[in-house]
Amino acid sequence: MALNRGDLAVWLINLPRAVERRKKMEVQLSELGINYTLFAGVDGNAESERLLETVDVKAFERNMGRKILMGGIGCYHSHISVWREFLETKKPFALIMEDDVVLHDDFQSAVELGLAASEHWDILRLNRIRAKLPITQGKVGPYKLNAYIGSATGNGAYLIKQDTAKLLLGRMLPVTRACDHEINRFFHHKFRLRGLEPFPSHVDDGNVSLITGANFGDVVKFPKYKRLPHYWLKAGNYFRRIIHLAKHRELIPKKSRNLVDISGNQSSEQT
């Protein structure tokens, strides 16, 4: 069945100049029968003067331990701009993808099952850069629905709810860290960040990123002694995630709990 549910809006973020990436995504999405809206990504390098006005540079460098990358700031604004479009649709869910994603054969069925388990998440990651120290909240068909004590980053493909997009839009500016790192502060924003594993997609940019350059060559990290605030923040976030998950009774794995029945419907089991 093609992914054309009336309650799901789908976007592909692509910089207009990234023609080859767009062509590869078009082939994948066509083969899977996924209807989508193309969003012209915000080019951070071309719009640096305007976008810098939205960034707290000192806070960003303190939090991330490196210089800002305008490509990353453009990516940040691309996601929140798509969220604004999403709110205008009045649809309850959105699937948002970046243009360097490889969609696995099970991607469509994973999205359907993820939607069936929507009472158990607010943002659902469908791939990752990092997904450390997972805690299984239950089973969704052949997948595990995981929360994370460690870092859970990467915005290559994810599902988001309308209410969550509305919540975050009021909190994302000024920019003080990378977009996926801000989303990873679920303990601060008070929403449920989950991952569907094994992930039904992965990122492959051929080691040539429009944000970090070839082999991360554009990334300028500070010397380790200048990164101490960054390390301190990372350590503290582990404790903040543990406290948040414990408070919501999500710290103990629930590997045997079925969140949807075999037909993909919401389980009647209480959360």
Foldseek 3Di string as FASTA:
>chain_A
DAPDDPQEAEEEEDAPVPVVLVVVVVVVCVVRNYDHHYDHFFAQVVCVVVLVVFAPQVLACQQVQFGAWSRLSSNLVRVLVVLVVVLVSVRFKYKYAYSQKDFAPCNVVLVLLCVQLVVQFAKEDLEFPDAAAWFFPEDRAPKTKTDGLAQTFDVRIMMHTNVVSVLCSVPCTSPRYGNRVVVSVCLVSVTGYIYIPPRRMYGDPVCADPGQGRVSVNIGGDPPVSNVSNVVVNVVSSVSSCVSCVVVVRNHHDYHHYQADPVSHGDPDDD
